[in-house]
């Protein structure tokens, strides 16, 4: 895949958001990982939602985020809750 929008869960809007934090292709997203990419978006936007981190994790794994196993979703929720801005 050459474009972020070719990845599962990443549409044009999320692709543009990722561009703004310097993530410009699927390889860079995989290198950075979903947690750090989420934190970068959160620092920029301040209000990034839980679905975003799920979408990013699914994209890194090459799957729809709805198919993530429950343990992964729980781990993502804990990470989200620990890092979201109040």
Protein backbone atom coordinates (compact mmCIF):
# COMPACT_ATOMS: atom_id res chain seq x y z
CA UNK A 1 0.00 0.00 0.00
CA UNK A 2 1.24 3.42 -0.87
CA UNK A 3 -1.38 5.71 0.65
CA UNK A 4 -2.73 5.78 4.17
CA UNK A 5 -6.26 5.82 2.78
CA UNK A 6 -5.54 2.40 1.23
CA UNK A 7 -5.33 0.98 4.77
CA UNK A 8 -8.28 -0.45 6.65
CA UNK A 9 -10.12 2.16 8.74
CA UNK A 10 -8.34 5.19 7.27
CA UNK A 11 -10.48 7.47 5.16
CA UNK A 12 -9.53 10.77 3.63
CA UNK A 13 -10.19 12.78 6.82
CA UNK A 14 -8.06 10.58 9.07
CA UNK A 15 -5.40 10.50 6.37
CA UNK A 16 -5.30 14.32 6.39
CA UNK A 17 -5.11 14.38 10.18
CA UNK A 18 -2.18 11.95 10.10
CA UNK A 19 -0.42 14.07 7.47
CA UNK A 20 -0.57 17.02 9.87
CA UNK A 21 1.46 15.08 12.45
CA UNK A 22 4.01 13.85 9.91
CA UNK A 23 2.63 10.38 9.24
CA UNK A 24 2.42 10.27 5.47
CA UNK A 25 2.34 6.58 4.52
CA UNK A 26 1.42 3.16 5.91
CA UNK A 27 5.05 2.27 6.62
CA UNK A 28 5.48 5.34 8.84
CA UNK A 29 2.26 4.49 10.72
CA UNK A 30 3.46 0.93 11.28
CA UNK A 31 6.86 2.20 12.43
CA UNK A 32 5.33 4.68 14.89
CA UNK A 33 2.53 2.38 16.05
CA UNK A 34 -1.05 3.14 16.94
CA UNK A 35 -0.42 4.39 20.49
CA UNK A 36 2.19 6.96 19.55
CA UNK A 37 0.24 8.04 16.45
CA UNK A 38 -2.81 8.54 18.66
CA UNK A 39 -0.79 10.62 21.14
CA UNK A 40 0.53 12.76 18.29
CA UNK A 41 -3.04 13.41 17.09
CA UNK A 42 -4.20 14.09 20.63
CA UNK A 43 -1.42 16.62 21.18
CA UNK A 44 -2.38 18.38 17.95
CA UNK A 45 -6.16 18.24 18.24
CA UNK A 46 -6.86 17.86 21.95
CA UNK A 47 -10.06 15.89 21.47
CA UNK A 48 -9.22 12.73 19.54
CA UNK A 49 -11.78 10.02 20.28
CA UNK A 50 -11.48 6.37 21.29
CA UNK A 51 -12.55 5.17 17.84
CA UNK A 52 -9.46 6.82 16.39
CA UNK A 53 -7.04 4.68 18.37
CA UNK A 54 -9.06 1.57 17.43
CA UNK A 55 -8.94 2.59 13.77
CA UNK A 56 -5.19 3.13 13.95
CA UNK A 57 -4.58 -0.23 15.64
CA UNK A 58 -6.69 -1.98 13.04
CA UNK A 59 -4.79 -0.22 10.25
CA UNK A 60 -1.46 -1.31 11.71
CA UNK A 61 -2.74 -4.89 11.92
CA UNK A 62 -4.32 -4.79 8.46
CA UNK A 63 -7.87 -5.37 9.66
CA UNK A 64 -11.14 -3.58 10.34
CA UNK A 65 -11.10 -2.23 13.89
CA UNK A 66 -14.39 -4.00 14.63
CA UNK A 67 -12.50 -7.30 14.30
CA UNK A 68 -9.98 -6.50 17.04
CA UNK A 69 -10.16 -9.03 19.87
CA UNK A 70 -11.67 -7.99 23.19
CA UNK A 71 -8.36 -7.96 25.07
CA UNK A 72 -6.90 -5.54 22.53
CA UNK A 73 -9.97 -3.31 22.79
CA UNK A 74 -9.69 -3.31 26.58
CA UNK A 75 -5.97 -2.46 26.39
CA UNK A 76 -6.74 0.35 23.95
CA UNK A 77 -9.47 1.68 26.26
CA UNK A 78 -7.06 1.73 29.20
CA UNK A 79 -4.44 3.54 27.10
CA UNK A 80 -7.06 6.00 25.87
CA UNK A 81 -8.36 6.71 29.38
CA UNK A 82 -4.83 7.27 30.67
CA UNK A 83 -3.93 9.68 27.87
CA UNK A 84 -7.07 11.62 26.96
CA UNK A 85 -7.16 15.27 27.80
CA UNK A 86 -9.67 16.40 30.38
